[in-house]
C-alpha atoms as a PDB file:
ATOM      1  CA  MET A   1       6.840  11.120 -17.554  1.00  0.00           C
ATOM      2  CA  ARG A   2       8.544  11.888 -14.241  1.00  0.00           C
ATOM      3  CA  VAL A   3       6.327   9.514 -12.256  1.00  0.00           C
ATOM      4  CA  ARG A   4       7.244   6.470 -14.324  1.00  0.00           C
ATOM      5  CA  GLN A   5      10.850   6.418 -13.144  1.00  0.00           C
ATOM      6  CA  HIS A   6       9.785   6.228  -9.510  1.00  0.00           C
ATOM      7  CA  LEU A   7       8.504   2.670  -9.626  1.00  0.00           C
ATOM      8  CA  GLN A   8       9.999   1.294 -12.824  1.00  0.00           C
ATOM      9  CA  GLY A   9      11.762  -2.004 -12.349  1.00  0.00           C
ATOM     10  CA  SER A  10      11.516  -5.725 -12.855  1.00  0.00           C
ATOM     11  CA  LYS A  11      10.812  -8.793 -10.779  1.00  0.00           C
ATOM     12  CA  THR A  12      14.528  -9.547 -10.654  1.00  0.00           C
ATOM     13  CA  ASP A  13      15.565  -6.030  -9.633  1.00  0.00           C
ATOM     14  CA  PRO A  14      17.527  -6.534  -6.374  1.00  0.00           C
ATOM     15  CA  SER A  15      17.343  -2.834  -5.561  1.00  0.00           C
ATOM     16  CA  ARG A  16      14.331  -1.860  -3.542  1.00  0.00           C
ATOM     17  CA  GLN A  17      15.319   1.814  -3.589  1.00  0.00           C
ATOM     18  CA  SER A  18      12.740   4.139  -5.090  1.00  0.00           C
ATOM     19  CA  SER A  19      13.962   7.269  -6.814  1.00  0.00           C
ATOM     20  CA  VAL A  20      12.280   9.356  -4.119  1.00  0.00           C
ATOM     21  CA  PRO A  21      14.835  10.235  -1.432  1.00  0.00           C
ATOM     22  CA  GLY A  22      14.191   8.534   1.883  1.00  0.00           C
ATOM     23  CA  ILE A  23      11.781   5.898   0.532  1.00  0.00           C
ATOM     24  CA  VAL A  24      13.113   2.361   0.418  1.00  0.00           C
ATOM     25  CA  LEU A  25      10.650  -0.282  -0.691  1.00  0.00           C
ATOM     26  CA  PRO A  26      10.534  -3.550   1.259  1.00  0.00           C
ATOM     27  CA  VAL A  27      10.577  -7.009  -0.258  1.00  0.00           C
ATOM     28  CA  PRO A  28       6.998  -7.502  -1.452  1.00  0.00           C
ATOM     29  CA  PRO A  29       4.906  -9.678   0.830  1.00  0.00           C
ATOM     30  CA  ALA A  30       4.081 -13.262  -0.174  1.00  0.00           C
ATOM     31  CA  PRO A  31       0.423 -14.287  -0.139  1.00  0.00           C
ATOM     32  CA  LEU A  32      -0.782 -15.680   3.178  1.00  0.00           C
ATOM     33  CA  GLY A  33      -3.264 -17.932   1.366  1.00  0.00           C
ATOM     34  CA  ALA A  34      -4.336 -19.320  -1.997  1.00  0.00           C
ATOM     35  CA  TYR A  35      -4.362 -16.077  -4.005  1.00  0.00           C
ATOM     36  CA  VAL A  36      -1.998 -13.760  -5.872  1.00  0.00           C
ATOM     37  CA  GLU A  37      -0.869 -10.394  -4.554  1.00  0.00           C
ATOM     38  CA  SER A  38      -1.455  -8.585  -7.857  1.00  0.00           C
ATOM     39  CA  SER A  39      -3.326  -8.971 -11.115  1.00  0.00           C
ATOM     40  CA  ASP A  40      -3.553  -6.601 -14.060  1.00  0.00           C
ATOM     41  CA  VAL A  41      -6.121  -6.052 -16.765  1.00  0.00           C
ATOM     42  CA  GLY A  42      -5.537  -3.422 -19.413  1.00  0.00           C
ATOM     43  CA  TYR A  43      -4.005  -0.377 -17.757  1.00  0.00           C
ATOM     44  CA  LEU A  44      -5.083  -1.276 -14.230  1.00  0.00           C
ATOM     45  CA  LEU A  45      -3.135  -3.201 -11.598  1.00  0.00           C
ATOM     46  CA  PHE A  46      -5.269  -4.578  -8.788  1.00  0.00           C
ATOM     47  CA  LEU A  47      -3.616  -5.517  -5.505  1.00  0.00           C
ATOM     48  CA  SER A  48      -4.805  -7.853  -2.791  1.00  0.00           C
ATOM     49  CA  GLY A  49      -5.359  -6.143   0.523  1.00  0.00           C
ATOM     50  CA  MET A  50      -1.972  -5.151   1.920  1.00  0.00           C
ATOM     51  CA  LEU A  51      -1.327  -5.736   5.607  1.00  0.00           C
ATOM     52  CA  PRO A  52       1.438  -4.287   7.803  1.00  0.00           C
ATOM     53  CA  VAL A  53       3.548  -7.421   7.217  1.00  0.00           C
ATOM     54  CA  VAL A  54       7.348  -7.740   7.212  1.00  0.00           C
ATOM     55  CA  ASN A  55       8.979 -11.086   6.447  1.00  0.00           C
ATOM     56  CA  ARG A  56       5.601 -12.873   6.590  1.00  0.00           C
ATOM     57  CA  THR A  57       5.022 -11.503  10.092  1.00  0.00           C
ATOM     58  CA  LEU A  58       2.308  -9.061  11.073  1.00  0.00           C
ATOM     59  CA  VAL A  59       4.350  -6.330  12.769  1.00  0.00           C
ATOM     60  CA  VAL A  60       1.441  -4.242  14.098  1.00  0.00           C
ATOM     61  CA  THR A  61      -1.449  -6.099  15.678  1.00  0.00           C
ATOM     62  CA  GLY A  62      -4.488  -4.962  17.579  1.00  0.00           C
ATOM     63  CA  ARG A  63      -7.469  -2.698  17.141  1.00  0.00           C
ATOM     64  CA  LEU A  64      -7.126   0.983  16.331  1.00  0.00           C
ATOM     65  CA  GLY A  65      -8.529   3.162  19.071  1.00  0.00           C
ATOM     66  CA  VAL A  66      -8.660   0.245  21.500  1.00  0.00           C
ATOM     67  CA  THR A  67      -5.220  -1.365  21.885  1.00  0.00           C
ATOM     68  CA  LEU A  68      -3.389   0.802  19.327  1.00  0.00           C
ATOM     69  CA  SER A  69      -2.734   4.545  19.272  1.00  0.00           C
ATOM     70  CA  VAL A  70      -3.127   6.859  16.300  1.00  0.00           C
ATOM     71  CA  ASP A  71       0.675   6.734  15.865  1.00  0.00           C
ATOM     72  CA  ASP A  72       0.554   2.918  15.814  1.00  0.00           C
ATOM     73  CA  GLY A  73      -2.108   3.201  13.086  1.00  0.00           C
ATOM     74  CA  ARG A  74       0.056   5.582  11.097  1.00  0.00           C
ATOM     75  CA  GLU A  75       2.976   3.165  11.254  1.00  0.00           C
ATOM     76  CA  ALA A  76       0.749   0.237  10.223  1.00  0.00           C
ATOM     77  CA  ALA A  77      -0.628   2.254   7.283  1.00  0.00           C
ATOM     78  CA  ARG A  78       2.891   3.285   6.220  1.00  0.00           C
ATOM     79  CA  ILE A  79       4.104  -0.345   6.200  1.00  0.00           C
ATOM     80  CA  ALA A  80       1.013  -1.546   4.319  1.00  0.00           C
ATOM     81  CA  ALA A  81       1.314   1.272   1.744  1.00  0.00           C
ATOM     82  CA  LEU A  82       5.017   0.507   1.197  1.00  0.00           C
ATOM     83  CA  ASN A  83       4.043  -3.150   0.711  1.00  0.00           C
ATOM     84  CA  ALA A  84       1.510  -2.037  -1.911  1.00  0.00           C
ATOM     85  CA  LEU A  85       4.157  -0.012  -3.742  1.00  0.00           C
ATOM     86  CA  ALA A  86       6.694  -2.851  -3.562  1.00  0.00           C
ATOM     87  CA  THR A  87       4.134  -5.322  -4.894  1.00  0.00           C
ATOM     88  CA  ALA A  88       3.262  -2.970  -7.753  1.00  0.00           C
ATOM     89  CA  LYS A  89       6.948  -2.510  -8.606  1.00  0.00           C
ATOM     90  CA  GLN A  90       7.525  -6.245  -8.586  1.00  0.00           C
ATOM     91  CA  HIS A  91       4.542  -6.834 -10.867  1.00  0.00           C
ATOM     92  CA  VAL A  92       5.633  -4.561 -13.680  1.00  0.00           C
ATOM     93  CA  ALA A  93       8.301  -5.568 -16.210  1.00  0.00           C
ATOM     94  CA  ARG A  94      11.055  -3.219 -17.363  1.00  0.00           C
ATOM     95  CA  SER A  95       8.948  -2.152 -20.326  1.00  0.00           C
ATOM     96  CA  ARG A  96       6.060  -1.146 -18.073  1.00  0.00           C
ATOM     97  CA  SER A  97       5.806   1.224 -15.196  1.00  0.00           C
ATOM     98  CA  VAL A  98       3.424   2.186 -12.428  1.00  0.00           C
ATOM     99  CA  ASP A  99       2.099   5.581 -13.427  1.00  0.00           C
ATOM    100  CA  ASP A 100      -0.366   6.529 -10.722  1.00  0.00           C
ATOM    101  CA  ALA A 101      -2.391   5.426  -7.752  1.00  0.00           C
ATOM    102  CA  ARG A 102      -6.033   5.511  -8.832  1.00  0.00           C
ATOM    103  CA  GLN A 103      -7.671   4.198  -5.704  1.00  0.00           C
ATOM    104  CA  ALA A 104      -6.479   3.531  -2.175  1.00  0.00           C
ATOM    105  CA  ASP A 105      -9.084   2.154   0.187  1.00  0.00           C
ATOM    106  CA  GLY A 106      -8.670   1.321   3.838  1.00  0.00           C
ATOM    107  CA  LEU A 107     -10.364  -0.993   6.246  1.00  0.00           C
ATOM    108  CA  ASP A 108      -9.794  -0.584   9.942  1.00  0.00           C
ATOM    109  CA  GLY A 109     -11.223  -1.563  13.271  1.00  0.00           C
ATOM    110  CA  ASP A 110     -11.424   1.922  14.831  1.00  0.00           C
ATOM    111  CA  ASP A 111     -14.968   2.703  15.898  1.00  0.00           C
ATOM    112  CA  ARG A 112     -14.183   6.380  16.535  1.00  0.00           C
ATOM    113  CA  ALA A 113     -14.594   8.240  13.250  1.00  0.00           C
ATOM    114  CA  VAL A 114     -12.628  11.253  14.521  1.00  0.00           C
ATOM    115  CA  ARG A 115      -9.438   9.173  14.628  1.00  0.00           C
ATOM    116  CA  ARG A 116     -10.081   7.088  11.544  1.00  0.00           C
ATOM    117  CA  ALA A 117      -8.570   9.491   9.016  1.00  0.00           C
ATOM    118  CA  ALA A 118      -5.101   9.843  10.614  1.00  0.00           C
ATOM    119  CA  PRO A 119      -3.553   6.508   9.531  1.00  0.00           C
ATOM    120  CA  TRP A 120      -5.014   6.871   6.042  1.00  0.00           C
ATOM    121  CA  ARG A 121      -3.524  10.306   5.596  1.00  0.00           C
ATOM    122  CA  THR A 122      -0.139   8.642   6.148  1.00  0.00           C
ATOM    123  CA  ALA A 123      -0.755   6.170   3.296  1.00  0.00           C
ATOM    124  CA  ALA A 124      -2.155   8.930   1.022  1.00  0.00           C
ATOM    125  CA  ASP A 125       0.816  11.200   1.781  1.00  0.00           C
ATOM    126  CA  LEU A 126       3.196   8.385   0.766  1.00  0.00           C
ATOM    127  CA  PHE A 127       1.401   7.975  -2.572  1.00  0.00           C
ATOM    128  CA  VAL A 128       1.563  11.740  -3.141  1.00  0.00           C
ATOM    129  CA  LYS A 129       5.323  11.655  -2.436  1.00  0.00           C
ATOM    130  CA  ILE A 130       5.784   8.949  -5.065  1.00  0.00           C
ATOM    131  CA  PHE A 131       3.333  10.103  -7.755  1.00  0.00           C
ATOM    132  CA  GLY A 132       3.197  13.862  -7.125  1.00  0.00           C
ATOM    133  CA  PRO A 133       0.460  16.157  -5.801  1.00  0.00           C
ATOM    134  CA  ASP A 134      -1.366  16.431  -9.147  1.00  0.00           C
ATOM    135  CA  ALA A 135      -1.790  12.672  -9.670  1.00  0.00           C
ATOM    136  CA  GLY A 136      -4.581  12.217  -7.131  1.00  0.00           C
ATOM    137  CA  HIS A 137      -6.407   9.084  -6.112  1.00  0.00           C
ATOM    138  CA  VAL A 138      -9.793   8.315  -4.659  1.00  0.00           C
ATOM    139  CA  ARG A 139     -10.038   7.005  -1.137  1.00  0.00           C
ATOM    140  CA  LEU A 140     -12.604   5.226   0.935  1.00  0.00           C
ATOM    141  CA  VAL A 141     -12.087   4.303   4.573  1.00  0.00           C
ATOM    142  CA  TYR A 142     -14.519   2.127   6.442  1.00  0.00           C
ATOM    143  CA  GLU A 143     -14.651   0.214   9.677  1.00  0.00           C
ATOM    144  CA  VAL A 144     -15.040  -3.527   9.977  1.00  0.00           C
ATOM    145  CA  GLN A 145     -15.459  -5.676  13.066  1.00  0.00           C
ATOM    146  CA  SER A 146     -12.366  -7.789  12.464  1.00  0.00           C
ATOM    147  CA  LEU A 147      -9.568  -8.216   9.943  1.00  0.00           C
ATOM    148  CA  PRO A 148      -7.410 -11.197   8.893  1.00  0.00           C
ATOM    149  CA  VAL A 149      -4.736 -12.472  11.305  1.00  0.00           C
ATOM    150  CA  GLY A 150      -5.409  -9.701  13.848  1.00  0.00           C
ATOM    151  CA  ALA A 151      -4.341  -6.901  11.508  1.00  0.00           C
ATOM    152  CA  PRO A 152      -5.337  -3.385  12.561  1.00  0.00           C
ATOM    153  CA  LEU A 153      -5.897  -2.267   8.972  1.00  0.00           C
ATOM    154  CA  VAL A 154      -5.715  -3.250   5.304  1.00  0.00           C
ATOM    155  CA  VAL A 155      -4.678  -1.048   2.379  1.00  0.00           C
ATOM    156  CA  ASP A 156      -6.468  -1.915  -0.868  1.00  0.00           C
ATOM    157  CA  ALA A 157      -5.028  -0.232  -3.972  1.00  0.00           C
ATOM    158  CA  ILE A 158      -5.531   0.030  -7.705  1.00  0.00           C
ATOM    159  CA  PHE A 159      -2.688   1.480  -9.776  1.00  0.00           C
ATOM    160  CA  GLU A 160      -2.509   2.681 -13.351  1.00  0.00           C
ATOM    161  CA  ILE A 161       0.219   0.954 -15.329  1.00  0.00           C
ATOM    162  CA  ALA A 162       1.773   1.781 -18.668  1.00  0.00           C
ATOM    163  CA  PRO A 163       0.857  -0.309 -21.748  1.00  0.00           C
END
């Protein structure tokens, strides 16, 4: 399956390069608390909410539509989605692969529904680039009053993994 090669790898794989040109996966984020970043059951890989974090530092802070622009939101969603993909890649062993994104939910602090979709399209477009246009995933975006550590958004994802 073409998709399998895109995120196949192991925890010790020093290369963060995906097989999709122009997409380099970051080092997966470490938990900021007493939890794990990923857990699988059967064919599903559940991820903890992914923040726009690089090297344990929140790189985009603020509230969408208030202190952050739509472009800031897109960048935050891109970083969080890449973190989700990197975490998924780290979780799977060489004999397993990430086959598809099944669900990608978003939480944000933007109280203007007209702008809410823009950052999430960025995350969805990244998943389509990796898994292809026919793979498809469900998506739910909702607003919350506040998010952990001042994050503007959280990407929550469930991936399908090979047996």
